[in-house]
Protein backbone atom coordinates (compact mmCIF):
# COMPACT_ATOMS: atom_id res chain seq x y z
CA MET A 1 23.54 -16.58 21.78
CA THR A 2 26.99 -17.35 23.26
CA ASN A 3 28.75 -20.69 22.92
CA ALA A 4 32.08 -21.55 24.58
CA GLN A 5 34.23 -24.53 23.70
CA SER A 6 37.82 -25.74 23.88
CA ARG A 7 39.63 -27.75 21.24
CA VAL A 8 42.50 -28.44 23.66
CA PHE A 9 41.00 -29.43 27.00
CA SER A 10 38.15 -31.72 27.98
CA GLY A 11 36.93 -33.39 31.17
CA ARG A 12 39.55 -36.10 30.79
CA TRP A 13 42.27 -33.44 30.94
CA LEU A 14 40.97 -32.21 34.26
CA TRP A 15 40.90 -35.70 35.70
CA GLY A 16 44.43 -36.29 34.38
CA VAL A 17 45.78 -33.05 35.87
CA ALA A 18 44.10 -33.84 39.19
CA ALA A 19 45.66 -37.30 39.16
CA ILE A 20 49.12 -35.87 38.48
CA THR A 21 48.73 -33.38 41.33
CA LEU A 22 47.53 -36.12 43.69
CA LEU A 23 50.36 -38.41 42.63
CA GLY A 24 52.87 -35.65 43.28
CA ALA A 25 51.43 -35.15 46.76
CA VAL A 26 51.61 -38.90 47.54
CA LEU A 27 55.16 -39.19 46.22
CA ARG A 28 56.11 -35.83 47.67
CA GLU A 29 57.33 -34.68 44.24
CA SER A 30 57.11 -30.90 44.25
CA VAL A 31 57.69 -30.73 40.48
CA LEU A 32 54.57 -32.81 39.76
CA ILE A 33 52.55 -30.78 42.24
CA LEU A 34 53.73 -27.50 40.68
CA ILE A 35 52.94 -28.70 37.15
CA GLY A 36 49.49 -29.83 38.20
CA LEU A 37 48.67 -26.61 40.03
CA LEU A 38 49.94 -24.36 37.22
CA THR A 39 47.95 -26.36 34.69
CA LEU A 40 44.80 -26.11 36.80
CA LEU A 41 45.33 -22.37 37.27
CA THR A 42 45.88 -21.89 33.52
CA ILE A 43 42.77 -23.86 32.62
CA GLY A 44 40.69 -22.13 35.28
CA GLY A 45 41.93 -18.68 34.30
CA GLY A 46 41.27 -19.32 30.63
CA TRP A 47 37.80 -20.65 31.39
CA LEU A 48 36.90 -17.64 33.54
CA TRP A 49 38.31 -15.29 30.89
CA SER A 50 36.19 -16.91 28.19
CA ARG A 51 33.07 -16.70 30.36
CA ALA A 52 33.44 -12.89 30.63
CA ILE A 53 34.87 -12.19 27.18
CA PHE A 54 31.69 -10.74 25.60
CA ARG A 55 30.30 -9.02 28.69
CA ASN A 56 29.89 -5.28 28.13
CA VAL A 57 31.06 -5.65 24.54
CA VAL A 58 28.90 -3.87 21.94
CA VAL A 59 29.17 -4.67 18.23
CA ALA A 60 26.96 -2.73 15.83
CA ARG A 61 26.60 -1.97 12.14
CA THR A 62 25.50 1.43 10.79
CA LEU A 63 24.70 2.65 7.29
CA ARG A 64 25.00 6.27 6.18
CA SER A 65 22.14 5.72 3.73
CA GLU A 66 19.64 2.94 3.21
CA ARG A 67 18.07 4.17 -0.06
CA VAL A 68 20.21 4.62 -3.14
CA PHE A 69 20.10 4.37 -6.92
CA PRO A 70 22.09 1.83 -8.99
CA GLY A 71 25.79 2.65 -9.11
CA GLU A 72 25.78 4.74 -5.94
CA GLN A 73 27.78 3.80 -2.85
CA VAL A 74 26.68 3.20 0.73
CA THR A 75 29.05 3.82 3.63
CA LEU A 76 29.05 0.86 6.02
CA GLN A 77 30.62 1.12 9.48
CA ILE A 78 31.31 -1.66 11.98
CA HIS A 79 31.64 -0.44 15.58
CA VAL A 80 33.14 -2.41 18.51
CA ILE A 81 33.09 -1.01 22.05
CA ASN A 82 34.72 -2.84 24.98
CA ARG A 83 33.25 -1.35 28.16
CA LYS A 84 35.23 -3.37 30.72
CA LEU A 85 38.74 -3.79 32.09
CA LEU A 86 39.24 -7.22 30.53
CA PRO A 87 40.69 -6.93 26.98
CA LEU A 88 39.86 -9.09 24.00
CA ALA A 89 43.13 -10.80 23.08
CA TRP A 90 41.71 -11.51 19.63
CA LEU A 91 38.38 -10.94 17.95
CA LYS A 92 37.01 -12.21 14.64
CA ILE A 93 33.96 -10.47 13.19
CA GLU A 94 31.98 -11.93 10.29
CA ASP A 95 29.16 -9.91 8.75
CA GLN A 96 26.92 -11.56 6.16
CA LEU A 97 26.26 -9.40 3.09
CA PRO A 98 24.33 -10.04 -0.14
CA SER A 99 26.55 -11.10 -3.04
CA ALA A 100 25.00 -8.42 -5.28
CA LEU A 101 26.70 -5.67 -3.26
CA GLN A 102 30.36 -4.95 -3.97
CA ILE A 103 32.78 -4.15 -1.14
CA VAL A 104 35.19 -1.52 -2.44
CA GLU A 105 37.96 -1.91 0.16
CA GLN A 106 37.80 -5.67 0.51
CA GLY A 107 39.98 -8.18 -1.29
CA THR A 108 41.03 -11.31 0.48
CA HIS A 109 38.92 -10.36 3.49
CA SER A 110 35.64 -11.13 1.72
CA ALA A 111 34.45 -14.61 0.86
CA VAL A 112 31.75 -14.86 -1.79
CA GLY A 113 29.38 -17.83 -1.86
CA THR A 114 26.14 -18.79 -3.54
CA ALA A 115 24.07 -17.40 -0.68
CA GLY A 116 26.07 -14.21 -0.18
CA GLN A 117 29.44 -12.98 0.94
CA THR A 118 31.17 -12.58 4.28
CA LEU A 119 32.93 -9.44 5.45
CA ARG A 120 35.69 -10.58 7.83
CA ILE A 121 37.58 -8.45 10.36
CA THR A 122 40.23 -9.79 12.74
CA THR A 123 41.59 -7.55 15.49
CA ALA A 124 42.38 -7.17 19.19
CA ILE A 125 40.50 -4.79 21.50
CA ARG A 126 42.05 -3.27 24.61
CA TRP A 127 40.22 -2.37 27.79
CA TYR A 128 37.71 0.46 27.45
CA GLU A 129 38.51 0.85 23.77
CA GLN A 130 36.23 1.73 20.87
CA VAL A 131 37.16 0.85 17.28
CA THR A 132 35.33 1.66 14.03
CA TRP A 133 35.95 0.24 10.55
CA THR A 134 34.57 2.01 7.48
CA PHE A 135 33.77 0.30 4.19
CA HIS A 136 31.97 1.36 1.03
CA LEU A 137 29.42 -0.80 -0.72
CA THR A 138 28.63 -0.29 -4.39
CA CYS A 139 25.02 -1.10 -5.27
CA PRO A 140 24.92 -1.92 -9.00
CA VAL A 141 21.56 -3.70 -9.22
CA ARG A 142 18.00 -2.73 -8.28
CA GLY A 143 16.61 -4.66 -5.33
CA CYS A 144 16.03 -4.90 -1.60
CA TYR A 145 19.05 -6.30 0.25
CA THR A 146 19.32 -7.45 3.88
CA LEU A 147 22.65 -7.26 5.72
CA GLY A 148 23.35 -9.56 8.65
CA PRO A 149 23.51 -11.39 10.95
CA ILE A 150 26.87 -10.74 12.63
CA SER A 151 28.98 -13.57 14.05
CA LEU A 152 31.69 -12.99 16.68
CA GLN A 153 34.49 -15.28 17.80
CA SER A 154 37.05 -14.66 20.53
CA GLY A 155 38.90 -16.45 23.29
CA ASP A 156 41.21 -16.25 26.26
CA LEU A 157 44.82 -15.03 26.25
CA PHE A 158 46.23 -18.57 26.31
CA GLY A 159 44.22 -19.74 23.31
CA LEU A 160 42.62 -22.57 25.28
CA PHE A 161 38.95 -21.65 24.88
CA THR A 162 37.00 -20.23 21.97
CA VAL A 163 33.75 -18.33 22.44
CA SER A 164 31.23 -17.66 19.67
CA GLN A 165 28.32 -15.24 19.65
CA HIS A 166 25.57 -14.75 17.08
CA ILE A 167 24.00 -11.28 16.80
CA GLU A 168 20.70 -10.99 14.95
CA ASP A 169 21.41 -7.45 13.77
CA SER A 170 20.12 -6.63 10.30
CA ASN A 171 19.89 -3.60 8.05
CA THR A 172 18.17 -3.16 4.71
CA ILE A 173 19.52 -1.35 1.67
CA MET A 174 16.90 -0.33 -0.87
CA VAL A 175 18.32 0.11 -4.37
CA TYR A 176 15.76 2.00 -6.44
CA PRO A 177 15.30 1.41 -10.17
CA ARG A 178 17.14 3.70 -12.56
CA ILE A 179 15.47 7.01 -13.43
CA ILE A 180 16.41 8.53 -16.77
CA SER A 181 15.14 11.48 -18.75
CA LEU A 182 12.22 11.21 -21.17
CA ASP A 183 14.46 12.58 -23.92
CA GLN A 184 16.76 9.59 -23.53
CA LEU A 185 13.75 7.34 -24.09
CA ASP A 186 12.66 9.47 -27.05
CA ILE A 187 9.34 10.17 -25.30
CA SER A 188 7.70 13.58 -25.21
CA ALA A 189 5.70 14.80 -22.23
CA ARG A 190 2.70 15.35 -24.48
CA GLN A 191 2.71 11.69 -25.54
CA LEU A 192 2.40 10.65 -21.90
CA PHE A 193 0.33 13.39 -20.36
CA GLY A 194 -1.67 14.65 -23.33
CA ASP A 195 -2.78 18.28 -23.62
CA GLN A 196 -2.72 19.50 -20.02
CA ARG A 197 -4.52 22.72 -20.95
CA VAL A 198 -7.79 20.81 -21.51
CA GLN A 199 -10.64 22.11 -19.36
CA ARG A 200 -11.01 20.04 -16.20
CA ARG A 201 -14.16 17.95 -15.93
CA ILE A 202 -16.05 16.74 -12.92
CA ILE A 203 -15.77 12.95 -12.65
CA ILE A 204 -16.47 10.45 -9.90
CA ASP A 205 -13.72 8.97 -7.78
CA PRO A 206 -14.56 5.27 -7.20
CA SER A 207 -12.15 5.12 -4.26
CA GLN A 208 -14.20 7.69 -2.30
CA SER A 209 -17.67 6.28 -1.50
CA ILE A 210 -19.85 8.72 0.49
CA GLY A 211 -23.15 6.85 0.71
CA VAL A 212 -25.78 4.77 -1.09
CA ARG A 213 -29.01 5.37 -3.03
CA ASP A 214 -31.58 3.36 -4.99
CA TYR A 215 -30.23 1.63 -8.07
CA ARG A 216 -31.02 3.14 -11.46
CA PRO A 217 -30.88 1.38 -14.86
CA GLU A 218 -27.97 3.54 -16.04
CA ASP A 219 -25.83 2.65 -12.98
CA SER A 220 -22.97 0.16 -13.33
CA ILE A 221 -23.53 -3.22 -11.71
CA ARG A 222 -19.98 -2.96 -10.33
CA HIS A 223 -21.12 -0.17 -8.00
CA ILE A 224 -23.96 -2.10 -6.32
CA HIS A 225 -23.66 -2.08 -2.52
CA TRP A 226 -24.70 -5.64 -1.70
CA ALA A 227 -24.78 -5.23 2.09
CA ALA A 228 -27.10 -2.21 1.80
CA THR A 229 -29.19 -4.10 -0.77
CA ALA A 230 -29.70 -6.96 1.70
CA ARG A 231 -30.81 -4.56 4.42
CA ALA A 232 -33.16 -2.52 2.20
CA GLN A 233 -34.47 -5.54 0.25
CA LYS A 234 -33.95 -3.64 -2.99
CA LEU A 235 -30.92 -2.79 -5.10
CA GLN A 236 -28.71 -0.05 -3.68
CA THR A 237 -25.78 1.58 -5.45
CA LYS A 238 -22.80 3.47 -4.08
CA VAL A 239 -22.59 7.26 -4.31
CA PHE A 240 -19.08 8.54 -4.98
CA GLU A 241 -17.26 11.72 -4.13
CA PRO A 242 -16.97 14.01 -7.20
CA SER A 243 -13.39 14.71 -8.27
CA THR A 244 -11.75 16.98 -10.80
CA SER A 245 -8.50 15.00 -10.83
CA VAL A 246 -7.86 12.49 -13.57
CA GLN A 247 -5.19 9.89 -12.99
CA GLN A 248 -1.98 8.79 -14.66
CA VAL A 249 -1.71 5.05 -13.96
CA VAL A 250 1.22 2.94 -15.09
CA PHE A 251 0.62 -0.78 -15.66
CA LEU A 252 3.83 -2.81 -15.90
CA ASN A 253 3.78 -6.16 -17.68
CA LEU A 254 6.74 -8.34 -16.65
CA ASP A 255 6.16 -11.03 -19.27
CA THR A 256 9.23 -11.04 -21.54
CA HIS A 257 8.32 -13.85 -23.93
CA ASN A 258 5.21 -14.87 -25.84
CA PRO A 259 4.29 -17.54 -24.86
CA TYR A 260 5.36 -16.87 -21.26
CA TRP A 261 6.67 -20.40 -20.59
CA GLU A 262 9.69 -19.76 -22.80
CA GLY A 263 11.37 -18.24 -19.76
CA LEU A 264 12.53 -14.92 -18.34
CA ASP A 265 14.68 -12.33 -20.05
CA SER A 266 15.94 -10.62 -16.90
CA GLU A 267 17.57 -7.72 -18.77
CA ARG A 268 14.34 -6.95 -20.62
CA ALA A 269 12.34 -7.16 -17.38
CA GLU A 270 14.72 -4.70 -15.70
CA ASN A 271 14.42 -2.38 -18.70
CA ALA A 272 10.64 -2.45 -18.36
CA ILE A 273 10.91 -1.62 -14.64
CA THR A 274 13.26 1.28 -15.45
CA VAL A 275 10.82 2.69 -18.00
CA ALA A 276 7.85 2.36 -15.64
CA ALA A 277 9.74 4.09 -12.83
CA THR A 278 10.89 6.87 -15.14
CA ILE A 279 7.38 7.56 -16.42
CA ALA A 280 5.86 7.56 -12.93
CA ILE A 281 8.46 9.92 -11.44
CA HIS A 282 8.23 12.35 -14.35
CA ALA A 283 4.42 12.31 -14.06
CA LEU A 284 4.72 13.26 -10.39
CA ARG A 285 7.05 16.10 -11.36
CA GLU A 286 4.25 17.30 -13.66
CA ARG A 287 1.91 17.33 -10.61
CA GLN A 288 -0.09 14.38 -11.90
CA VAL A 289 -2.10 11.98 -9.73
CA VAL A 290 0.02 8.85 -10.29
CA GLY A 291 -0.34 5.16 -9.51
CA VAL A 292 1.70 2.08 -10.46
CA TYR A 293 0.62 -1.55 -10.87
CA ALA A 294 2.80 -4.51 -11.86
CA SER A 295 2.27 -8.21 -12.55
CA GLY A 296 5.20 -9.27 -10.35
CA MET A 297 5.05 -10.07 -6.66
CA ILE A 298 6.52 -7.90 -3.91
CA VAL A 299 9.46 -9.74 -2.32
CA GLY A 300 8.31 -11.20 1.00
CA SER A 301 4.65 -10.96 0.00
CA ASP A 302 2.13 -12.93 -2.04
CA GLN A 303 0.58 -9.82 -3.56
CA PRO A 304 1.35 -8.05 -6.83
CA LEU A 305 2.46 -4.43 -6.78
CA ARG A 306 -0.51 -2.10 -6.30
CA ILE A 307 0.21 1.55 -5.55
CA ARG A 308 -3.04 3.51 -5.73
CA ALA A 309 -3.00 6.78 -7.61
CA SER A 310 -2.11 9.76 -5.44
CA ARG A 311 -0.32 13.10 -5.49
CA ASN A 312 0.82 12.77 -1.90
CA PRO A 313 4.34 14.13 -1.23
CA THR A 314 5.40 10.59 -0.23
CA GLN A 315 4.11 9.00 -3.45
CA ALA A 316 7.48 9.10 -5.22
CA SER A 317 9.13 7.26 -2.33
CA ALA A 318 6.29 4.72 -2.22
CA ILE A 319 6.57 4.03 -5.95
CA LEU A 320 10.36 3.68 -5.94
CA THR A 321 10.28 1.47 -2.84
CA GLY A 322 7.61 -0.76 -4.36
CA LEU A 323 9.55 -1.12 -7.60
CA ALA A 324 12.77 -1.81 -5.69
CA ARG A 325 11.07 -4.70 -3.87
CA LEU A 326 9.41 -6.01 -7.03
CA SER A 327 10.34 -9.48 -8.29
CA PRO A 328 11.18 -9.37 -12.03
CA ILE A 329 9.24 -12.60 -12.60
CA ALA A 330 5.66 -12.24 -13.83
CA ALA A 331 3.48 -14.08 -11.31
CA ILE A 332 -0.08 -13.35 -12.47
CA ASP A 333 -2.02 -13.02 -15.72
CA PHE A 334 -1.35 -9.46 -16.85
CA PRO A 335 -4.37 -8.95 -19.17
CA GLY A 336 -6.76 -10.06 -16.41
CA PHE A 337 -4.92 -7.94 -13.87
CA LEU A 338 -5.17 -4.89 -16.15
CA GLN A 339 -8.87 -5.45 -16.73
CA ALA A 340 -9.68 -5.87 -13.03
CA GLU A 341 -7.65 -2.96 -11.68
CA SER A 342 -8.56 -0.48 -14.42
CA ALA A 343 -12.24 -0.78 -13.44
CA GLN A 344 -11.45 1.53 -10.50
CA ILE A 345 -9.79 4.20 -12.63
CA PRO A 346 -11.97 7.24 -13.46
CA ALA A 347 -13.02 7.89 -17.04
CA GLY A 348 -10.75 10.39 -18.76
CA SER A 349 -7.66 9.14 -16.98
CA THR A 350 -4.53 7.98 -18.79
CA ILE A 351 -3.46 4.34 -18.62
CA VAL A 352 0.17 3.78 -19.57
CA ILE A 353 0.91 0.14 -20.43
CA VAL A 354 4.60 -0.78 -20.33
CA THR A 355 5.15 -4.15 -21.97
CA ALA A 356 7.70 -6.16 -23.95
CA VAL A 357 5.12 -8.53 -25.44
CA MET A 358 1.68 -8.23 -27.03
CA THR A 359 -0.98 -10.95 -27.05
CA ASP A 360 -4.40 -11.07 -28.68
CA ARG A 361 -6.07 -11.02 -25.26
CA LEU A 362 -4.11 -7.99 -24.11
CA ALA A 363 -4.95 -6.17 -27.35
CA ALA A 364 -8.66 -6.97 -26.89
CA ILE A 365 -8.69 -5.62 -23.31
CA MET A 366 -6.89 -2.47 -24.44
CA ALA A 367 -9.57 -1.96 -27.09
CA ASP A 368 -12.28 -2.34 -24.42
CA LEU A 369 -10.57 0.24 -22.21
CA HIS A 370 -10.36 2.64 -25.14
CA ARG A 371 -14.11 2.30 -25.71
CA MET A 372 -14.68 3.06 -22.00
CA ARG A 373 -13.10 6.52 -22.44
CA ARG A 374 -9.69 5.67 -20.99
CA ARG A 375 -6.80 7.34 -22.75
CA LEU A 376 -4.25 4.62 -23.56
CA VAL A 377 -0.51 5.00 -24.03
CA LEU A 378 1.38 1.89 -25.09
CA VAL A 379 5.08 1.94 -24.23
CA ALA A 380 6.64 -0.96 -26.11
CA ILE A 381 9.99 -2.32 -24.93
CA GLY A 382 11.80 -3.57 -28.01
CA GLU A 383 9.97 -5.15 -30.95
CA VAL A 384 6.28 -5.34 -30.03
CA ALA A 385 3.32 -5.76 -32.38
CA ILE A 386 1.15 -2.64 -32.06
CA PRO A 387 -2.62 -3.42 -31.91
CA PRO A 388 -4.77 -1.54 -34.46
CA ILE A 389 -6.62 0.66 -31.95
CA ARG A 390 -7.73 3.98 -33.36
CA GLY A 391 -6.31 6.91 -31.43
CA LEU A 392 -3.82 4.75 -29.48
CA ASP A 393 -0.74 6.71 -28.42
CA ARG A 394 2.31 4.51 -28.71
CA VAL A 395 6.00 4.82 -27.91
CA CYS A 396 8.67 2.32 -28.95
CA VAL A 397 11.69 2.19 -26.64
CA ASP A 398 14.97 1.10 -28.19
CA GLU A 399 16.54 -1.33 -25.71
CA ALA A 400 20.06 -0.71 -26.99
CA ARG A 401 19.61 3.00 -26.36
CA LEU A 402 18.01 2.32 -22.98
CA ASN A 403 20.93 0.17 -21.82
CA GLY A 404 23.36 2.91 -22.81
CA THR A 405 21.67 5.61 -20.74
CA HIS A 406 22.97 7.01 -17.48
CA MET A 407 21.06 7.39 -14.29
CA ASN A 408 19.56 10.73 -13.40
CA ALA A 409 18.36 10.17 -9.85
CA PRO A 410 15.62 12.49 -8.61
CA ARG A 411 15.34 13.70 -5.06
CA VAL A 412 12.63 11.76 -3.21
């Protein structure tokens, strides 16, 4: 959208200049006529200049990378191309950036506000000229950040008219959570993955239904196919595809206080996200079938994070992207979420629970899962009461040590 305005001239000016010119003609004063004509020519030329100022002008933003880890830099370039004979006597560019990103080269040229910061460039562009500015953005914090829009302002050579243009051009920078080594967390691979030399067993995969059959007393009521039951007028149950792959599923609890209404400890929540991401990525490196669930909402969505277990080559990117877009605020009841989602996980799989708090209800659901032949690993962030579940594998992560670790970003 383009908007032209003048802070100097208005309609009254035009009538005044016309009156002066007419008066000069009546009085036969050549000086008045000359002043009036020159003023009209100046105003007309400036107006025509401003009308064409942004024609065939291209302004674009490019990023060398849109997916990084905390502490890494992104190269940002602003391009301006003037594809016409008419120059831009002056041009002001304002690009809106999130305040969480740090502009390395900028000092007085950036204005930081509550809603973000503005990258400002002021220049002049000659005819048929192309100019590129390069900046570097440091991304210190996990998250999903949107850059844009871009605002332009220019005017005629005489400074009589100002033209503004708003460009809805946006880019997204995805800052993944930190990935650190298991040694830095004082976690062994065997604690997480168990004895991987165990003989593989045939189990059912509840995500792969291949048909229905008559219900039997030993079948779970959760597997009843109600639509088929209505058609057959007798109970029908789903038949699942056999699978030899057990799963490694990470459940992330974003509650940081017990009771939850005491507020949010953002540092502790970020530590929990870091641990969950680290475990999931290392499990994929061990060729595990990995999934991640979290009690926080995906930014821009009303759904919690659900990444179904998979060993697809794109699973690492899906997990890191989901965790990057994850709000650190717990939005749903974690014990109920764990109970509902774990019903779809095959027996013999490993459920890793990453949490900074322990409640009686969560401990009871963990005990139920243990009785249902799910292998449980509790990863406690900080001081967490460990429930007395026989055979429970547990890991206590020292937050001070976690905060002192350095990123070890994997290739995804």
